[in-house]
Structure formats: C-alpha cells, structure tokens
C-alpha cells in the first residue's frame, strides 16, 4: 500500500469512507449541478460532468484533508473535469469582441436612452427587473474563461483566492478575469433585457412618471 502511494497512486479509500463521502457530497450536489449547467450550457452534459466529478472525487477521497473545505475541493475537481473534457471540443465562443465594453455599460446604455434625468438610478431599476434566470442566461452567454470565474464568483460566492485554487491560475489573473467578466456580463444583461422587453417596460414606466 505504501509503495502504491509513493508511486503516485491515489490514496486508498478506508473502510467507512463511502458513507463519509456521501455525507460530504450531498450538500453540494445542487450547487455543483447548477455550476456544471452554466459551464456546459447543456443539461445532459451538466449531469455527465457532475457524475464524472463525483466519481473522480470518490476515487481521490482518501487524499481529501479532513477539516478542510470539501466544497472548494470538489469544485476544483468539477472545474478540472470540465476543462479536460470540454476544451477538447471545438470552441463555440467565436463572437467575442476584441475590445471590452465600457466600464459602466448599463450606466452608459441607460444614459443613451435619456433615462438619467427621469430616474435617480435607472441602471439599478433595470437590475431590479431582472430575475435569476436572466442572470443565469447572461453568465451562460459569456466566453468560457469568463463564464467559469463568473459562475464561481457571482453564483457560488467563492473568494478570489479560492477561485484561483479551483481554476489553478494566479489570483491576479482571477481578479482580471472577474473585472472583465463583470463588464461583459453587463453587456449580456442589457442584451437580454432588450430581448425580453424589460428595457421597453422601464422606458414606458419612466415616461409615465412611475
């Protein structure tokens, strides 16, 4: 057994560990599936990804340090599984602009519509009309490298350093991706708000003095 571990083999799963693993895994499964869905943008692929990550995590559970953050540990496995499996496919993020949108994209767009003289904070009023499904759709529309960190940061509330550990890049890179991802996310939210008629509703309400 010692020679296997020394040779780089996974740490052995001890008796009773299966029940322990299930106890750790159960509370994070829903969040893991939601994250996988935003990563893959496909329900069947998301289910496959979570199942694959769960299997990998179970096989490596002997190396999990008790008392540490299981959720972060599992999400690292989930993210690595996504990268290794789905990056082999042809990338579909072909519509990425070379230049980033303005820093305050929603502010600029609402100002262009002339809403700032009629409302104290039209950008916030717009955000208030957006539901969680709209935010999810906007995140799913982001290019992969920003979609992953935006999901972990905005939807799962991981800290910068935790995301850096999960993704396996320096924390400075994570800060940069989240900063740009936030700008791209504002543009995606605006596009969705236009498509769903939310912008028109906000404009009408402001024109009516509401």
Protein backbone atom coordinates (compact mmCIF):
# COMPACT_ATOMS: atom_id res chain seq x y z
CA UNK A 1 0.00 0.00 0.00
CA UNK A 2 2.81 2.39 0.91
CA UNK A 3 4.61 1.66 -2.34
CA UNK A 4 1.46 2.43 -4.35
CA UNK A 5 1.04 5.83 -2.72
CA UNK A 6 4.73 6.57 -3.20
CA UNK A 7 4.38 5.67 -6.88
CA UNK A 8 1.74 8.35 -7.33
CA UNK A 9 -1.31 6.17 -6.92
CA UNK A 10 -4.47 7.64 -5.31
CA UNK A 11 -4.62 7.33 -1.54
CA UNK A 12 -6.65 4.27 -0.55
CA UNK A 13 -10.30 4.67 0.44
CA UNK A 14 -10.60 3.49 4.00
CA UNK A 15 -13.47 1.38 5.35
CA UNK A 16 -16.47 3.56 6.08
CA UNK A 17 -15.25 6.29 3.77
CA UNK A 18 -18.05 5.71 1.27
CA UNK A 19 -20.62 6.86 3.81
CA UNK A 20 -18.42 9.80 4.79
CA UNK A 21 -18.00 10.77 1.15
CA UNK A 22 -21.76 10.75 0.57
CA UNK A 23 -22.27 12.89 3.66
CA UNK A 24 -19.82 15.46 2.31
CA UNK A 25 -21.12 15.31 -1.26
CA UNK A 26 -24.87 15.51 -0.69
CA UNK A 27 -24.99 19.16 0.49
CA UNK A 28 -23.01 20.45 -2.53
CA UNK A 29 -24.68 18.47 -5.33
CA UNK A 30 -27.36 21.02 -6.22
CA UNK A 31 -24.83 23.84 -6.43
CA UNK A 32 -22.46 21.61 -8.37
CA UNK A 33 -25.15 20.81 -10.93
CA UNK A 34 -26.05 24.49 -11.30
CA UNK A 35 -22.39 25.32 -11.83
CA UNK A 36 -21.95 22.48 -14.32
CA UNK A 37 -25.01 23.69 -16.22
CA UNK A 38 -23.57 27.17 -16.54
CA UNK A 39 -20.20 25.73 -17.56
CA UNK A 40 -21.56 23.39 -20.24
CA UNK A 41 -24.83 25.19 -21.18
CA UNK A 42 -26.44 21.78 -21.68
CA UNK A 43 -28.44 19.75 -19.14
CA UNK A 44 -27.27 16.33 -20.29
CA UNK A 45 -23.63 17.45 -20.36
CA UNK A 46 -24.05 19.04 -16.91
CA UNK A 47 -25.35 15.78 -15.47
CA UNK A 48 -22.48 13.85 -17.06
CA UNK A 49 -19.96 16.36 -15.73
CA UNK A 50 -21.26 16.14 -12.15
CA UNK A 51 -21.28 12.35 -12.31
CA UNK A 52 -17.73 12.30 -13.65
CA UNK A 53 -16.57 14.75 -10.96
CA UNK A 54 -18.28 12.71 -8.25
CA UNK A 55 -16.54 9.56 -9.44
CA UNK A 56 -13.17 11.29 -9.56
CA UNK A 57 -13.76 12.79 -6.12
CA UNK A 58 -14.71 9.41 -4.67
CA UNK A 59 -11.61 7.80 -6.10
CA UNK A 60 -9.48 10.58 -4.63
CA UNK A 61 -11.36 10.92 -1.36
CA UNK A 62 -8.53 9.27 0.53
CA UNK A 63 -6.39 12.33 -0.22
CA UNK A 64 -9.01 14.82 0.98
CA UNK A 65 -7.76 16.55 4.12
CA UNK A 66 -10.43 16.26 6.80
CA UNK A 67 -11.34 19.60 8.27
CA UNK A 68 -10.59 21.49 5.06
CA UNK A 69 -13.17 22.92 2.63
CA UNK A 70 -14.79 19.97 0.84
CA UNK A 71 -16.93 22.26 -1.32
CA UNK A 72 -13.88 24.05 -2.72
CA UNK A 73 -12.07 20.72 -3.11
CA UNK A 74 -14.98 19.21 -5.07
CA UNK A 75 -15.47 22.29 -7.23
CA UNK A 76 -11.80 22.15 -8.18
CA UNK A 77 -12.32 18.59 -9.38
CA UNK A 78 -15.51 19.61 -11.20
CA UNK A 79 -13.75 22.52 -12.93
CA UNK A 80 -10.74 20.42 -13.90
CA UNK A 81 -13.07 17.76 -15.32
CA UNK A 82 -14.82 20.43 -17.37
CA UNK A 83 -11.55 21.79 -18.73
CA UNK A 84 -10.13 18.38 -19.59
CA UNK A 85 -13.29 17.12 -21.26
CA UNK A 86 -14.91 20.10 -22.93
CA UNK A 87 -11.85 22.03 -24.03
CA UNK A 88 -11.16 19.19 -26.43
CA UNK A 89 -14.30 20.15 -28.31
CA UNK A 90 -14.38 22.93 -30.89
CA UNK A 91 -14.85 26.21 -29.09
CA UNK A 92 -18.11 27.94 -29.80
CA UNK A 93 -17.16 31.34 -28.34
CA UNK A 94 -16.47 32.82 -31.77
CA UNK A 95 -18.35 36.08 -31.26
CA UNK A 96 -16.03 37.58 -28.64
CA UNK A 97 -15.21 41.22 -29.35
CA UNK A 98 -11.56 42.26 -29.28
CA UNK A 99 -12.30 45.34 -27.17
CA UNK A 100 -14.08 45.17 -23.80
CA UNK A 101 -17.37 47.04 -23.30
CA UNK A 102 -17.29 50.29 -21.27
CA UNK A 103 -16.63 50.06 -17.54
CA UNK A 104 -20.20 51.06 -16.66
CA UNK A 105 -22.06 49.58 -19.60
CA UNK A 106 -25.54 49.66 -18.05
CA UNK A 107 -25.00 53.25 -16.94
CA UNK A 108 -23.94 54.25 -20.46
CA UNK A 109 -26.88 52.48 -22.11
CA UNK A 110 -29.50 53.96 -19.78
CA UNK A 111 -27.92 57.38 -20.24
CA UNK A 112 -28.16 56.98 -24.01
CA UNK A 113 -31.89 56.41 -23.66
CA UNK A 114 -32.18 59.63 -21.69
CA UNK A 115 -33.33 57.90 -18.51
CA UNK A 116 -30.93 59.58 -16.10
CA UNK A 117 -32.90 62.80 -15.96
CA UNK A 118 -36.09 60.89 -15.15
CA UNK A 119 -34.86 58.37 -12.58
CA UNK A 120 -32.30 58.55 -9.77
CA UNK A 121 -30.72 55.21 -10.72
CA UNK A 122 -32.13 53.68 -13.94
CA UNK A 123 -29.38 51.04 -14.10
CA UNK A 124 -30.41 49.77 -10.67
CA UNK A 125 -34.07 49.92 -11.71
CA UNK A 126 -33.22 47.73 -14.67
CA UNK A 127 -31.35 45.23 -12.49
CA UNK A 128 -34.34 45.07 -10.13
CA UNK A 129 -36.49 43.84 -13.01
CA UNK A 130 -34.07 41.08 -13.94
CA UNK A 131 -34.75 37.67 -12.43
CA UNK A 132 -32.25 34.95 -11.56
CA UNK A 133 -32.94 33.17 -14.84
CA UNK A 134 -31.88 36.30 -16.72
CA UNK A 135 -28.62 36.49 -14.78
CA UNK A 136 -28.01 32.79 -15.42
CA UNK A 137 -28.62 33.27 -19.13
CA UNK A 138 -26.22 36.22 -19.18
CA UNK A 139 -23.48 34.22 -17.45
CA UNK A 140 -24.01 31.33 -19.85
CA UNK A 141 -23.51 33.76 -22.75
CA UNK A 142 -20.00 34.68 -21.58
CA UNK A 143 -16.89 33.20 -23.21
CA UNK A 144 -15.60 30.14 -21.37
CA UNK A 145 -12.76 31.67 -19.33
CA UNK A 146 -15.05 34.40 -18.02
CA UNK A 147 -18.08 32.11 -17.66
CA UNK A 148 -16.19 29.81 -15.31
CA UNK A 149 -14.89 32.50 -12.96
CA UNK A 150 -18.16 34.48 -13.09
CA UNK A 151 -20.09 31.38 -12.07
CA UNK A 152 -17.74 30.65 -9.18
CA UNK A 153 -17.67 34.28 -8.02
CA UNK A 154 -21.18 35.64 -8.61
CA UNK A 155 -23.24 32.47 -8.23
CA UNK A 156 -21.23 30.38 -5.76
CA UNK A 157 -19.66 33.20 -3.69
CA UNK A 158 -16.13 31.82 -3.75
CA UNK A 159 -13.40 34.30 -2.81
CA UNK A 160 -10.68 35.31 -5.30
CA UNK A 161 -8.08 33.04 -3.72
CA UNK A 162 -10.48 30.09 -3.60
CA UNK A 163 -11.26 30.56 -7.30
CA UNK A 164 -7.55 30.78 -8.06
CA UNK A 165 -7.04 27.45 -6.26
CA UNK A 166 -10.01 25.88 -8.05
CA UNK A 167 -9.04 27.05 -11.55
CA UNK A 168 -5.29 26.70 -10.98
CA UNK A 169 -4.15 30.19 -12.03
CA UNK A 170 -2.67 33.13 -10.07
CA UNK A 171 -5.11 35.21 -8.05
CA UNK A 172 -4.16 38.28 -10.09
CA UNK A 173 -5.42 36.52 -13.21
CA UNK A 174 -8.69 35.76 -11.44
CA UNK A 175 -9.11 39.41 -10.46
CA UNK A 176 -8.52 40.45 -14.06
CA UNK A 177 -10.98 37.90 -15.45
CA UNK A 178 -13.69 38.84 -12.96
CA UNK A 179 -13.17 42.53 -13.71
CA UNK A 180 -13.55 41.99 -17.44
CA UNK A 181 -16.23 39.37 -16.91
CA UNK A 182 -18.28 41.89 -14.93
CA UNK A 183 -18.15 44.27 -17.90
CA UNK A 184 -19.09 41.54 -20.37
CA UNK A 185 -21.86 40.44 -18.03
CA UNK A 186 -23.39 43.92 -18.01
CA UNK A 187 -23.50 43.87 -21.81
CA UNK A 188 -25.07 40.40 -21.84
CA UNK A 189 -27.66 41.51 -19.27
CA UNK A 190 -28.56 44.53 -21.36
CA UNK A 191 -28.98 42.38 -24.46
CA UNK A 192 -31.27 40.00 -22.58
CA UNK A 193 -33.23 42.91 -21.10
CA UNK A 194 -33.79 44.23 -24.62
CA UNK A 195 -34.80 40.82 -25.97
CA UNK A 196 -37.24 40.20 -23.12
CA UNK A 197 -38.82 43.66 -23.41
CA UNK A 198 -37.57 44.77 -20.00
CA UNK A 199 -35.85 47.87 -21.39
CA UNK A 200 -39.04 48.92 -23.15
CA UNK A 201 -41.06 48.41 -19.98
CA UNK A 202 -38.62 50.52 -17.98
CA UNK A 203 -38.72 53.28 -20.57
CA UNK A 204 -42.52 53.31 -20.62
CA UNK A 205 -42.71 53.38 -16.84
CA UNK A 206 -40.32 56.31 -16.63
CA UNK A 207 -42.19 58.20 -19.37
CA UNK A 208 -45.39 57.74 -17.38
CA UNK A 209 -43.75 59.17 -14.28
CA UNK A 210 -43.58 55.86 -12.35
